[in-house]
Amino acid sequence: MSINLNQSVQGALNESVLQHLAARVGCAPESAKRVVSLCGPALIGSMMNKASSLDGARNLFNAVMSPAVNTHIAEELPHFVLNDDGMQTLLATSASVDGAVASHDNVNALSERIADYSGVPAHVTRVLAGVVGATLLGLLKRHFTQHNGQVGQLPTLLGHQLPVVRANMTDAFAQALGLGSVGAFLAGVASRLKAVSSHLEHPSTQEAAAFPIHSDLYPAPESEETKEKSNRRKWLWVANAAALALFAALVARGCSTEDKPKDAAQDAQADASASGAASGAASDSAVAAASSDAVASGAAVASQASMPTLLPGKNALAAITVDASGVPTVKATVGSDEERQRLIDLLSARFGADKFHANVSVDPDTKPSAWLDKLDTLVPVMTLPGARVQIDGDKIELAGKAADAKLGWLEKLRALFGSGWSIGLASARPDAAASDAASAASAAAPASAPATAETCSAPAIARMLNLKPINFRTGSNTPPASAMAALAKSAQALKDCDAHGAPIMLRIAGYSDNTGSAALNVELSKKRAEAVRGYLVKHGIPAGSLKAEGLGEVNPIADNSTPAGRMANRRIEFTEVN
């Protein structure tokens, strides 16, 4: 019985829901999506911390199964965000249950850190964090209800979420939630969750000795019925305890004589336990049982310590180089086919399927890739001619044009990535320096040269414009503001060519994914092309040099069966007018 909580949250808070929710809270849908992607793993980490103690696991399970948690929140979110009453209901639910995920003060602190990280106002991130928390609890409640889940299964289920928390948690987020540093938290939480789950599922064979770090936590009081059954079996347990204690004493005397002081103490304890048990004292039998359990617990801990780590040991790697025309080549090593496909989908969505080169290998001994979620941040560098980027786990090195101090990418990326990432310049090598100089000269020459009939080539200009992907939300013909701002800068080349008497004629083709009818998709894609054309004309491009067409769902560049593929297909392409 398991569930990928972060993936389930992303599915519940899909593009349509986020579009309406963003309008309600006053931010762009892309910003809302970013905040949700940061909140989910952080709040899951907070729940893991809660469930790593006996009382914490019980309290969290009771909160999940309480009447205040909406079992059907995933299905009802699209309706909640459409009207004022529904939104008020959602906010009220969020406020009433988010304390179960983390304290209100910690959620407030997390919201502030995410606001600093994403640039979204703190009051907006706080609302979205509450919605994510309520969604997490609702999804858990539904899962446990459908599978007749018990409290002992909660720590195990949360332990399965460790990879996504490891990949997305930063020190700033962990400290805001009261978890300390990420490294210290992740180093111990998995074993604590396993121990708590084992105790809750088998309380009769586990004692507090199995939880030395939580010595103040005890099992819940027994019911009257349990006490009555326990009394009826009292003498049976006493006899069993006496036999076990006597056997332990005999074994202890026959063991190796190494470490004699320690063995002598164990023999004395075993003798005392045997003597007490033989006299029939119930309290002494409890001591013998506790001693036996402590030895078993110690053996279990030693066995666990000798086991291999839960996660692979190699870092995910990526090497990015950008040629003189701005086309990136990505060579990467990731840990799974799923990550490989995700990387390809992200590159297709950002650049177009035929506008990048990728060589991605899979090594199962590779950790989950933290930089995969940061790819959007690196896109501007990945279109910079002559840039080189080397990524090793959470370490990023810049070279070539990416390391140019005048462009300032070192400081920009440090600010965008935040704490927990090491971002610096690659070590200079003579051959690399020469290559960098050549790349810089090659990239700078066209920019410094005036526009002429030779440089004003329609295919070259179209290729340059296509390096800035323009993708649309489902059912929308509003171009993303960030993409339009980049397009306005790139379109300066069109104005320069026109000013030098070499006007460029371009076709702006709008496309859609395969959602909906073909006829409506053609109409929608034409509106997308016309919106981009209108934007360029507004920024000084001659209207007669641009032709807008809608081509609908034809010529897909990515797989329409995935969200990333559909987004890549909702695009604009520039081509030469024949």
Protein backbone atom coordinates (compact mmCIF):
# COMPACT_ATOMS: atom_id res chain seq x y z
CA MET A 1 0.00 0.00 0.00
CA SER A 2 1.85 3.08 -1.23
CA ILE A 3 1.27 6.40 -2.96
CA ASN A 4 3.47 9.08 -4.52
CA LEU A 5 2.17 12.03 -2.51
CA ASN A 6 3.97 14.77 -4.41
CA GLN A 7 2.84 13.42 -7.77
CA SER A 8 -0.72 13.12 -6.47
CA VAL A 9 -0.68 16.74 -5.28
CA GLN A 10 0.59 17.89 -8.67
CA GLY A 11 -2.23 15.91 -10.31
CA ALA A 12 -4.89 17.44 -8.04
CA LEU A 13 -3.53 20.97 -8.50
CA ASN A 14 -3.36 20.67 -12.29
CA GLU A 15 -2.97 23.46 -14.83
CA SER A 16 -6.69 24.24 -14.96
CA VAL A 17 -7.02 24.42 -11.17
CA LEU A 18 -3.86 26.50 -10.83
CA GLN A 19 -5.03 28.93 -13.50
CA HIS A 20 -8.20 29.75 -11.55
CA LEU A 21 -6.47 29.56 -8.17
CA ALA A 22 -3.75 31.96 -9.33
CA ALA A 23 -6.39 34.45 -10.44
CA ARG A 24 -8.01 34.22 -7.00
CA VAL A 25 -4.83 34.85 -5.04
CA GLY A 26 -3.37 37.41 -7.45
CA CYS A 27 -0.38 35.84 -9.17
CA ALA A 28 0.53 34.28 -12.51
CA PRO A 29 -0.32 30.59 -13.03
CA GLU A 30 3.37 29.84 -13.61
CA SER A 31 4.18 31.41 -10.23
CA ALA A 32 1.45 29.42 -8.49
CA LYS A 33 2.78 26.22 -10.05
CA ARG A 34 6.29 27.05 -8.86
CA VAL A 35 5.13 27.67 -5.30
CA VAL A 36 3.12 24.43 -5.24
CA SER A 37 6.13 22.46 -6.51
CA LEU A 38 8.21 23.86 -3.63
CA CYS A 39 5.55 23.55 -0.91
CA GLY A 40 4.65 19.92 -1.58
CA PRO A 41 8.01 18.23 -0.82
CA ALA A 42 8.69 20.60 2.10
CA LEU A 43 5.36 19.84 3.81
CA ILE A 44 5.79 16.12 3.16
CA GLY A 45 9.16 16.40 4.92
CA SER A 46 7.42 18.03 7.89
CA MET A 47 4.94 15.15 8.07
CA MET A 48 7.80 12.66 7.94
CA ASN A 49 9.33 14.39 10.94
CA LYS A 50 6.02 14.25 12.84
CA ALA A 51 5.53 10.56 12.09
CA SER A 52 9.06 9.65 13.25
CA SER A 53 7.88 9.47 16.89
CA LEU A 54 5.16 7.28 18.41
CA ASP A 55 2.91 10.09 19.62
CA GLY A 56 3.60 12.12 16.50
CA ALA A 57 2.54 9.27 14.20
CA ARG A 58 -0.64 8.65 16.21
CA ASN A 59 -1.54 12.35 16.29
CA LEU A 60 -0.88 12.78 12.58
CA PHE A 61 -2.95 9.72 11.70
CA ASN A 62 -5.84 10.98 13.86
CA ALA A 63 -5.61 14.38 12.15
CA VAL A 64 -5.65 12.75 8.71
CA MET A 65 -8.75 10.71 9.54
CA SER A 66 -10.58 13.57 11.31
CA PRO A 67 -13.92 14.88 9.91
CA ALA A 68 -12.27 18.24 9.12
CA VAL A 69 -10.18 16.64 6.36
CA ASN A 70 -11.93 16.48 2.97
CA THR A 71 -11.58 12.99 1.50
CA HIS A 72 -12.74 14.20 -1.93
CA ILE A 73 -10.67 17.38 -2.13
CA ALA A 74 -8.87 16.29 -5.32
CA GLU A 75 -12.19 15.97 -7.19
CA GLU A 76 -13.68 19.12 -5.67
CA LEU A 77 -10.76 21.50 -6.19
CA PRO A 78 -11.87 22.45 -9.75
CA HIS A 79 -15.25 23.52 -8.33
CA PHE A 80 -13.83 25.29 -5.27
CA VAL A 81 -11.67 27.68 -7.33
CA LEU A 82 -14.45 28.72 -9.73
CA ASN A 83 -16.56 30.83 -7.37
CA ASP A 84 -16.25 32.93 -4.24
CA ASP A 85 -18.18 30.56 -1.97
CA GLY A 86 -16.11 27.58 -3.04
CA MET A 87 -12.89 29.51 -2.52
CA GLN A 88 -13.98 30.53 0.97
CA THR A 89 -14.73 26.89 1.77
CA LEU A 90 -11.29 25.86 0.51
CA LEU A 91 -9.54 28.54 2.57
CA ALA A 92 -11.52 27.63 5.68
CA THR A 93 -10.62 23.96 5.25
CA SER A 94 -6.96 24.85 4.74
CA ALA A 95 -6.87 27.01 7.86
CA SER A 96 -8.50 24.32 10.01
CA VAL A 97 -6.16 21.46 9.08
CA ASP A 98 -2.78 22.86 8.06
CA GLY A 99 -1.62 22.84 11.68
CA ALA A 100 -1.62 19.06 11.46
CA VAL A 101 1.08 19.16 8.78
CA ALA A 102 3.28 21.72 10.56
CA SER A 103 2.75 24.39 13.19
CA HIS A 104 1.24 27.65 11.97
CA ASP A 105 4.44 29.50 12.82
CA ASN A 106 6.51 27.02 10.81
CA VAL A 107 4.15 27.20 7.82
CA ASN A 108 4.38 31.01 7.99
CA ALA A 109 8.18 30.80 8.08
CA LEU A 110 8.21 28.34 5.17
CA SER A 111 5.94 30.65 3.17
CA GLU A 112 8.36 33.53 3.71
CA ARG A 113 11.33 31.43 2.59
CA ILE A 114 9.48 30.28 -0.53
CA ALA A 115 8.51 33.90 -1.21
CA ASP A 116 12.18 34.89 -1.05
CA TYR A 117 13.11 31.99 -3.31
CA SER A 118 10.38 32.42 -5.93
CA GLY A 119 9.67 36.15 -5.88
CA VAL A 120 5.96 35.51 -5.17
CA PRO A 121 4.50 37.68 -2.35
CA ALA A 122 4.52 36.00 1.05
CA HIS A 123 0.75 36.35 1.58
CA VAL A 124 0.19 34.49 -1.69
CA THR A 125 2.64 31.71 -0.84
CA ARG A 126 0.93 31.34 2.56
CA VAL A 127 -2.48 30.76 0.96
CA LEU A 128 -1.03 28.29 -1.53
CA ALA A 129 0.86 26.45 1.23
CA GLY A 130 -2.42 26.03 3.11
CA VAL A 131 -4.12 24.63 0.02
CA VAL A 132 -1.23 22.20 -0.54
CA GLY A 133 -1.41 21.07 3.10
CA ALA A 134 -5.16 20.48 2.94
CA THR A 135 -4.73 18.58 -0.33
CA LEU A 136 -2.01 16.37 1.16
CA LEU A 137 -4.20 15.42 4.12
CA GLY A 138 -7.22 14.80 1.89
CA LEU A 139 -5.24 12.53 -0.41
CA LEU A 140 -3.87 10.58 2.56
CA LYS A 141 -7.32 10.20 4.09
CA ARG A 142 -8.76 8.89 0.86
CA HIS A 143 -5.86 6.46 0.45
CA PHE A 144 -6.20 5.07 3.99
CA THR A 145 -9.98 4.87 3.70
CA GLN A 146 -9.84 2.94 0.44
CA HIS A 147 -7.20 0.51 1.72
CA ASN A 148 -8.40 0.14 5.32
CA GLY A 149 -5.07 1.58 6.40
CA GLN A 150 -3.92 1.64 10.01
CA VAL A 151 -1.68 4.04 11.92
CA GLY A 152 1.32 1.69 11.68
CA GLN A 153 1.32 2.04 7.89
CA LEU A 154 1.58 5.84 7.96
CA PRO A 155 5.33 6.07 8.83
CA THR A 156 6.15 3.48 6.16
CA LEU A 157 4.13 5.33 3.53
CA LEU A 158 5.85 8.62 4.41
CA GLY A 159 9.23 6.91 4.33
CA HIS A 160 8.60 6.09 0.67
CA GLN A 161 8.51 9.85 -0.03
CA LEU A 162 12.17 10.31 0.95
CA PRO A 163 13.57 10.60 -2.62
CA VAL A 164 11.36 13.55 -3.60
CA VAL A 165 12.03 15.31 -0.28
CA ARG A 166 15.77 14.75 -0.66
CA ALA A 167 15.70 16.15 -4.20
CA ASN A 168 13.71 19.31 -3.37
CA MET A 169 14.36 20.28 0.26
CA THR A 170 16.80 23.11 0.98
CA ASP A 171 18.39 24.12 4.27
CA ALA A 172 16.29 27.30 4.31
CA PHE A 173 13.04 25.32 3.99
CA ALA A 174 14.12 22.68 6.52
CA GLN A 175 15.10 25.30 9.09
CA ALA A 176 11.83 27.17 8.59
CA LEU A 177 9.98 23.93 9.43
CA GLY A 178 12.13 23.31 12.49
CA LEU A 179 13.93 20.30 10.98
CA GLY A 180 17.47 21.65 11.30
CA SER A 181 19.82 21.12 8.38
CA VAL A 182 18.71 18.96 5.46
CA GLY A 183 21.65 16.59 5.85
CA ALA A 184 21.03 15.94 9.54
CA PHE A 185 17.29 15.48 9.04
CA LEU A 186 17.58 13.07 6.12
CA ALA A 187 20.35 11.09 7.80
CA GLY A 188 18.10 9.82 10.57
CA VAL A 189 14.46 10.15 9.60
CA ALA A 190 14.23 6.95 7.53
CA SER A 191 15.39 4.67 10.37
CA ARG A 192 13.11 6.44 12.86
CA LEU A 193 10.10 6.01 10.61
CA LYS A 194 10.91 2.31 10.18
CA ALA A 195 11.23 1.80 13.93
CA VAL A 196 7.98 3.62 14.71
CA SER A 197 6.10 1.67 12.04
CA SER A 198 7.44 -1.61 13.38
CA HIS A 199 6.36 -0.74 16.92
CA LEU A 200 2.88 0.41 15.94
CA GLU A 201 2.24 -2.71 13.83
CA HIS A 202 3.64 -5.13 16.46
CA PRO A 203 3.25 -3.42 19.85
CA SER A 204 3.40 -6.70 21.86
CA THR A 205 6.93 -7.50 20.70
CA GLN A 206 8.46 -4.02 20.76
CA GLU A 207 9.44 -1.98 23.80
CA ALA A 208 10.58 1.56 24.43
CA ALA A 209 14.19 0.35 24.23
CA ALA A 210 13.77 0.26 20.47
CA PHE A 211 13.36 4.05 20.50
CA PRO A 212 16.30 5.46 22.47
CA ILE A 213 15.92 8.89 20.87
CA HIS A 214 12.33 9.18 22.03
CA SER A 215 12.58 7.74 25.54
CA ASP A 216 9.70 9.93 26.73
CA LEU A 217 7.21 8.27 24.38
CA TYR A 218 5.12 5.30 25.46
CA PRO A 219 2.42 3.18 23.89
CA ALA A 220 -1.18 4.26 24.31
CA PRO A 221 -2.98 3.03 27.49
CA GLU A 222 -4.50 -0.43 27.25
CA SER A 223 -8.24 -0.86 27.09
CA GLU A 224 -10.11 -2.66 29.89
CA GLU A 225 -10.66 -5.67 27.66
CA THR A 226 -6.95 -5.89 26.90
CA LYS A 227 -6.09 -5.64 30.60
CA GLU A 228 -8.51 -8.46 31.44
CA LYS A 229 -6.98 -10.73 28.81
CA SER A 230 -3.53 -9.81 30.03
CA ASN A 231 -4.40 -10.77 33.63
CA ARG A 232 -5.74 -14.18 32.55
CA ARG A 233 -2.43 -14.90 30.81
CA LYS A 234 -0.22 -13.45 33.51
CA TRP A 235 1.11 -16.73 34.93
CA LEU A 236 1.75 -18.12 31.47
CA TRP A 237 3.93 -15.13 30.68
CA VAL A 238 5.73 -15.47 34.01
CA ALA A 239 6.58 -19.11 33.29
CA ASN A 240 7.75 -18.28 29.76
CA ALA A 241 9.85 -15.39 31.03
CA ALA A 242 11.49 -17.63 33.65
CA ALA A 243 12.39 -20.25 31.05
CA LEU A 244 13.77 -17.64 28.65
CA ALA A 245 15.80 -15.98 31.40
CA LEU A 246 17.29 -19.31 32.53
CA PHE A 247 18.16 -20.18 28.93
CA ALA A 248 19.77 -16.73 28.45
CA ALA A 249 21.87 -17.26 31.57
CA LEU A 250 23.13 -20.64 30.35
CA VAL A 251 23.97 -19.24 26.91
CA ALA A 252 25.74 -16.25 28.44
CA ARG A 253 27.97 -18.52 30.57
CA GLY A 254 28.90 -20.60 27.50
CA CYS A 255 29.81 -17.68 25.21
CA SER A 256 33.30 -16.39 24.44
CA THR A 257 35.36 -14.96 27.29
CA GLU A 258 36.35 -11.90 25.29
CA ASP A 259 35.41 -8.56 26.82
CA LYS A 260 35.10 -10.22 30.25
CA PRO A 261 33.91 -7.21 32.28
CA LYS A 262 30.96 -6.78 29.90
CA ASP A 263 30.17 -10.54 29.90
CA ALA A 264 30.35 -10.65 33.68
CA ALA A 265 27.83 -7.84 33.92
CA GLN A 266 25.53 -9.64 31.45
CA ASP A 267 25.88 -12.89 33.42
CA ALA A 268 25.04 -11.12 36.63
CA GLN A 269 21.96 -9.55 35.05
CA ALA A 270 20.89 -12.88 33.57
CA ASP A 271 21.40 -14.61 36.93
CA ALA A 272 19.39 -11.95 38.70
CA SER A 273 16.63 -12.23 36.12
CA ALA A 274 16.61 -16.00 36.36
CA SER A 275 16.52 -15.90 40.14
CA GLY A 276 13.73 -13.36 40.18
CA ALA A 277 11.73 -15.23 37.59
CA ALA A 278 12.18 -18.53 39.46
CA SER A 279 10.69 -16.91 42.57
CA GLY A 280 7.63 -16.01 40.51
CA ALA A 281 7.90 -12.21 40.90
CA ALA A 282 5.99 -10.53 38.10
CA SER A 283 8.14 -7.39 38.16
CA ASP A 284 11.32 -9.44 37.68
CA SER A 285 9.80 -11.25 34.71
CA ALA A 286 9.16 -7.90 33.10
CA VAL A 287 12.83 -7.00 33.62
CA ALA A 288 13.88 -10.27 31.99
CA ALA A 289 11.55 -9.66 29.05
CA ALA A 290 12.82 -6.11 28.65
CA SER A 291 16.40 -7.37 28.76
CA SER A 292 15.65 -9.96 26.09
CA ASP A 293 13.95 -7.36 23.90
CA ALA A 294 16.84 -4.94 24.40
CA VAL A 295 19.31 -7.57 23.18
CA ALA A 296 17.09 -8.32 20.19
CA SER A 297 16.77 -4.60 19.50
CA GLY A 298 20.54 -4.17 19.67
CA ALA A 299 21.00 -7.00 17.18
CA ALA A 300 18.44 -5.42 14.87
CA VAL A 301 20.18 -2.04 15.05
CA ALA A 302 23.56 -3.66 14.33
CA SER A 303 22.05 -5.53 11.38
CA GLN A 304 20.46 -2.37 10.07
CA ALA A 305 23.74 -0.47 10.40
CA SER A 306 25.46 -3.05 8.22
CA MET A 307 22.86 -2.78 5.47
CA PRO A 308 23.53 -0.67 2.35
CA THR A 309 22.11 2.85 2.20
CA LEU A 310 18.55 3.32 1.05
CA LEU A 311 19.51 5.55 -1.87
CA PRO A 312 22.20 5.21 -4.57
CA GLY A 313 25.51 6.93 -3.99
CA LYS A 314 26.38 8.68 -7.29
CA ASN A 315 25.34 12.22 -8.13
CA ALA A 316 23.23 12.99 -11.18
CA LEU A 317 25.43 14.68 -13.78
CA ALA A 318 24.85 17.07 -16.67
CA ALA A 319 27.18 18.81 -19.11
CA ILE A 320 25.63 21.60 -21.21
CA THR A 321 27.35 23.27 -24.15
CA VAL A 322 25.80 25.86 -26.44
CA ASP A 323 27.06 26.29 -30.01
CA ALA A 324 27.53 29.57 -31.84
CA SER A 325 23.93 29.56 -33.13
CA GLY A 326 22.49 29.13 -29.63
CA VAL A 327 21.57 25.43 -29.89
CA PRO A 328 22.30 23.52 -26.63
CA THR A 329 23.77 20.04 -26.34
CA VAL A 330 23.01 18.24 -23.09
CA LYS A 331 24.93 15.17 -21.95
CA ALA A 332 23.53 13.77 -18.70
CA THR A 333 23.44 10.76 -16.40
CA VAL A 334 20.29 10.17 -14.32
CA GLY A 335 19.04 7.35 -12.13
CA SER A 336 15.94 6.11 -13.94
CA ASP A 337 14.19 5.91 -17.29
CA GLU A 338 11.46 8.10 -15.81
CA GLU A 339 13.96 10.89 -15.11
CA ARG A 340 15.49 10.46 -18.56
CA GLN A 341 12.10 10.86 -20.23
CA ARG A 342 11.26 13.80 -18.01
CA LEU A 343 14.49 15.56 -19.01
CA ILE A 344 13.78 14.98 -22.71
CA ASP A 345 10.20 16.25 -22.26
CA LEU A 346 11.40 19.39 -20.47
CA LEU A 347 13.98 20.14 -23.16
CA SER A 348 11.36 19.57 -25.88
CA ALA A 349 8.93 21.89 -24.12
CA ARG A 350 11.50 24.66 -23.71
CA PHE A 351 13.38 24.44 -27.03
CA GLY A 352 11.33 22.34 -29.44
CA ALA A 353 12.04 18.72 -30.29
CA ASP A 354 14.54 19.50 -33.07
CA LYS A 355 16.27 22.51 -31.47
CA PHE A 356 18.55 20.78 -29.00
CA HIS A 357 20.83 17.74 -28.83
CA ALA A 358 20.68 15.32 -25.91
CA ASN A 359 22.63 12.26 -24.85
CA VAL A 360 21.06 11.01 -21.62
CA SER A 361 22.20 7.75 -20.01
CA VAL A 362 20.62 5.90 -17.08
CA ASP A 363 22.63 4.53 -14.15
CA PRO A 364 20.54 2.93 -11.35
CA ASP A 365 23.27 3.81 -8.85
CA THR A 366 22.56 7.52 -9.39
CA LYS A 367 20.68 9.64 -6.86
CA PRO A 368 17.46 11.47 -7.84
CA SER A 369 18.34 14.60 -9.78
CA ALA A 370 17.76 17.83 -7.85
CA TRP A 371 18.80 19.98 -10.82
CA LEU A 372 16.05 18.55 -13.02
CA ASP A 373 13.50 20.71 -11.18
CA LYS A 374 15.77 23.73 -11.73
CA LEU A 375 16.01 23.39 -15.49
CA ASP A 376 13.73 26.38 -16.14
CA THR A 377 16.20 28.56 -14.22
CA LEU A 378 19.02 27.47 -16.53
CA VAL A 379 17.14 27.94 -19.82
CA PRO A 380 18.48 31.50 -20.50
CA VAL A 381 22.04 30.24 -20.06
CA MET A 382 21.28 27.26 -22.30
CA THR A 383 20.49 29.65 -25.18
CA LEU A 384 23.64 31.74 -24.71
CA PRO A 385 26.07 31.06 -27.59
CA GLY A 386 29.39 29.79 -26.29
CA ALA A 387 28.10 28.97 -22.80
CA ARG A 388 29.14 25.85 -20.91
CA VAL A 389 27.63 24.49 -17.69
CA GLN A 390 28.78 21.48 -15.68
CA ILE A 391 26.44 20.02 -13.01
CA ASP A 392 27.42 17.43 -10.42
CA GLY A 393 24.62 16.84 -7.89
CA ASP A 394 24.12 20.22 -6.19
CA LYS A 395 27.35 21.69 -7.60
CA ILE A 396 27.25 23.89 -10.72
CA GLU A 397 30.27 25.24 -12.57
CA LEU A 398 30.09 27.86 -15.32
CA ALA A 399 32.50 28.23 -18.21
CA GLY A 400 32.70 29.94 -21.59
CA LYS A 401 30.23 32.80 -22.06
CA ALA A 402 28.31 31.65 -18.99
CA ALA A 403 31.35 32.63 -16.91
CA ASP A 404 31.63 36.11 -18.49
CA ALA A 405 31.63 38.56 -15.57
CA LYS A 406 29.99 41.25 -17.72
CA LEU A 407 26.92 39.06 -18.18
CA GLY A 408 26.69 38.37 -14.45
CA TRP A 409 25.31 34.84 -14.63
CA LEU A 410 27.33 33.65 -11.65
CA GLU A 411 25.58 36.01 -9.24
CA LYS A 412 22.21 35.63 -10.95
CA LEU A 413 22.23 31.84 -10.58
CA ARG A 414 23.41 32.04 -6.98
CA ALA A 415 20.45 34.27 -6.19
CA LEU A 416 17.97 32.12 -8.15
CA PHE A 417 19.11 28.77 -6.75
CA GLY A 418 19.47 29.93 -3.14
CA SER A 419 21.18 28.12 -0.28
CA GLY A 420 22.10 24.49 -0.57
CA TRP A 421 23.70 24.91 -4.00
CA SER A 422 27.38 25.44 -4.78
CA ILE A 423 27.70 27.64 -7.86
CA GLY A 424 31.08 28.79 -9.13
CA LEU A 425 33.39 29.08 -12.11
CA ALA A 426 35.06 26.07 -13.69
CA SER A 427 38.80 25.76 -13.17
CA ALA A 428 40.56 27.51 -16.03
CA ARG A 429 42.65 25.33 -18.36
CA PRO A 430 44.85 26.66 -21.18
CA ASP A 431 42.98 24.79 -23.88
CA ALA A 432 39.63 25.72 -22.36
CA ALA A 433 40.63 29.37 -22.18
CA ALA A 434 41.57 29.37 -25.85
CA SER A 435 38.30 27.67 -26.71
CA ASP A 436 36.36 30.16 -24.61
CA ALA A 437 38.08 33.08 -26.34
CA ALA A 438 37.28 31.63 -29.75
CA SER A 439 33.66 31.03 -28.76
CA ALA A 440 33.36 34.52 -27.36
CA ALA A 441 34.80 36.05 -30.52
CA SER A 442 32.53 33.97 -32.71
CA ALA A 443 29.46 34.88 -30.66
CA ALA A 444 30.36 38.55 -30.44
CA ALA A 445 31.15 39.10 -34.12
CA PRO A 446 27.61 38.81 -35.48
CA ALA A 447 26.25 40.94 -32.65
CA SER A 448 28.73 43.73 -33.31
CA ALA A 449 28.34 43.70 -37.06
CA PRO A 450 25.71 45.99 -38.57
CA ALA A 451 22.67 44.48 -40.21
CA THR A 452 23.28 43.89 -43.90
CA ALA A 453 21.68 41.94 -46.72
CA GLU A 454 24.03 39.08 -45.84
CA THR A 455 23.24 38.98 -42.11
CA CYS A 456 19.52 39.56 -42.66
CA SER A 457 18.72 35.98 -43.64
CA ALA A 458 15.12 34.92 -43.05
CA PRO A 459 16.01 31.31 -42.06
CA ALA A 460 18.69 32.54 -39.64
CA ILE A 461 16.37 35.13 -38.06
CA ALA A 462 13.57 32.55 -37.76
CA ARG A 463 15.94 30.09 -36.11
CA MET A 464 17.03 32.73 -33.63
CA LEU A 465 13.42 33.63 -32.75
CA ASN A 466 12.54 29.96 -32.29
CA LEU A 467 15.26 29.62 -29.65
CA LYS A 468 12.87 31.43 -27.27
CA PRO A 469 9.99 28.93 -26.92
CA ILE A 470 6.48 30.35 -26.65
CA ASN A 471 4.11 27.83 -25.09
CA PHE A 472 0.52 28.35 -23.99
CA ARG A 473 -1.70 27.12 -21.19
CA THR A 474 -4.47 24.71 -22.10
CA GLY A 475 -7.27 26.54 -23.92
CA SER A 476 -5.46 29.90 -23.72
CA ASN A 477 -4.30 32.26 -26.45
CA THR A 478 -2.50 34.60 -24.04
CA PRO A 479 1.28 34.41 -24.55
CA PRO A 480 3.37 34.05 -21.36
CA ALA A 481 4.73 37.44 -20.31
CA SER A 482 8.26 36.09 -19.76
CA ALA A 483 8.39 34.59 -23.25
CA MET A 484 7.12 37.80 -24.82
CA ALA A 485 9.72 39.91 -23.04
CA ALA A 486 12.48 37.65 -24.42
CA LEU A 487 10.90 37.73 -27.88
CA ALA A 488 10.82 41.54 -27.88
CA LYS A 489 14.59 41.61 -27.38
CA SER A 490 15.25 39.02 -30.05
CA ALA A 491 12.95 40.83 -32.49
CA GLN A 492 15.33 43.79 -32.52
CA ALA A 493 17.10 41.98 -35.34
CA LEU A 494 13.93 42.29 -37.47
CA LYS A 495 13.82 46.03 -36.90
CA ASP A 496 17.51 46.39 -37.68
CA CYS A 497 17.09 44.55 -40.96
CA ASP A 498 14.10 46.69 -41.90
CA ALA A 499 16.04 49.86 -41.03
CA HIS A 500 18.87 48.80 -43.37
CA GLY A 501 16.55 48.15 -46.28
CA ALA A 502 16.56 44.35 -45.94
CA PRO A 503 13.10 43.54 -44.48
CA ILE A 504 12.43 39.98 -43.41
CA MET A 505 9.14 38.25 -44.23
CA LEU A 506 8.15 35.67 -41.63
CA ARG A 507 5.26 33.33 -41.03
CA ILE A 508 4.05 32.94 -37.44
CA ALA A 509 2.48 29.49 -37.12
CA GLY A 510 0.33 28.68 -34.09
CA TYR A 511 -0.15 25.09 -32.91
CA SER A 512 -2.22 23.22 -30.34
CA ASP A 513 -2.16 19.85 -28.60
CA ASN A 514 -4.75 17.18 -29.48
CA THR A 515 -7.18 18.09 -26.70
CA GLY A 516 -10.63 18.97 -28.04
CA SER A 517 -11.96 19.01 -31.59
CA ALA A 518 -9.69 19.59 -34.57
CA ALA A 519 -11.75 22.56 -35.82
CA LEU A 520 -11.61 24.37 -32.48
CA ASN A 521 -7.89 23.68 -32.21
CA VAL A 522 -7.26 25.32 -35.58
CA GLU A 523 -9.20 28.39 -34.49
CA LEU A 524 -7.41 28.53 -31.13
CA SER A 525 -3.98 28.10 -32.70
CA LYS A 526 -4.71 30.95 -35.13
CA LYS A 527 -5.61 33.23 -32.22
CA ARG A 528 -2.28 32.31 -30.63
CA ALA A 529 -0.39 33.25 -33.78
CA GLU A 530 -2.34 36.52 -34.10
CA ALA A 531 -1.61 37.39 -30.46
CA VAL A 532 2.14 37.00 -31.06
CA ARG A 533 1.95 38.95 -34.32
CA GLY A 534 0.07 41.77 -32.57
CA TYR A 535 2.70 41.90 -29.86
CA LEU A 536 5.54 42.20 -32.37
CA VAL A 537 3.74 44.88 -34.38
CA LYS A 538 3.20 46.80 -31.14
CA HIS A 539 6.97 46.66 -30.58
CA GLY A 540 7.81 48.20 -33.94
CA ILE A 541 7.90 45.28 -36.39
CA PRO A 542 6.23 46.22 -39.72
CA ALA A 543 2.82 44.54 -39.86
CA GLY A 544 3.27 43.68 -43.54
CA SER A 545 6.32 41.53 -42.78
CA LEU A 546 4.44 39.11 -40.51
CA LYS A 547 1.81 36.55 -41.51
CA ALA A 548 -0.17 34.65 -38.85
CA GLU A 549 -1.58 31.16 -39.43
CA GLY A 550 -3.29 28.57 -37.25
CA LEU A 551 -2.38 24.94 -37.95
CA GLY A 552 -4.09 23.22 -35.01
CA GLU A 553 -2.78 19.91 -33.75
CA VAL A 554 -0.78 18.89 -36.84
CA ASN A 555 3.00 18.38 -36.78
CA PRO A 556 3.37 17.63 -33.04
CA ILE A 557 6.93 17.91 -31.74
CA ALA A 558 6.31 15.91 -28.55
CA ASP A 559 4.13 13.14 -27.14
CA ASN A 560 0.54 14.33 -26.55
CA SER A 561 0.04 11.59 -23.94
CA THR A 562 2.11 13.49 -21.35
CA PRO A 563 1.47 16.96 -19.83
CA ALA A 564 4.96 18.13 -20.80
CA GLY A 565 4.44 16.87 -24.34
CA ARG A 566 1.11 18.66 -24.71
CA MET A 567 2.63 21.89 -23.44
CA ALA A 568 5.46 21.61 -25.96
CA ASN A 569 2.89 21.21 -28.75
CA ARG A 570 0.96 24.34 -27.70
CA ARG A 571 3.56 26.51 -29.38
CA ILE A 572 4.55 29.18 -31.89
CA GLU A 573 6.98 28.57 -34.75
CA PHE A 574 8.59 31.19 -37.00
CA THR A 575 9.42 30.24 -40.60
CA GLU A 576 10.37 32.06 -43.78
CA VAL A 577 7.49 33.09 -46.03
CA ASN A 578 7.99 31.27 -49.32
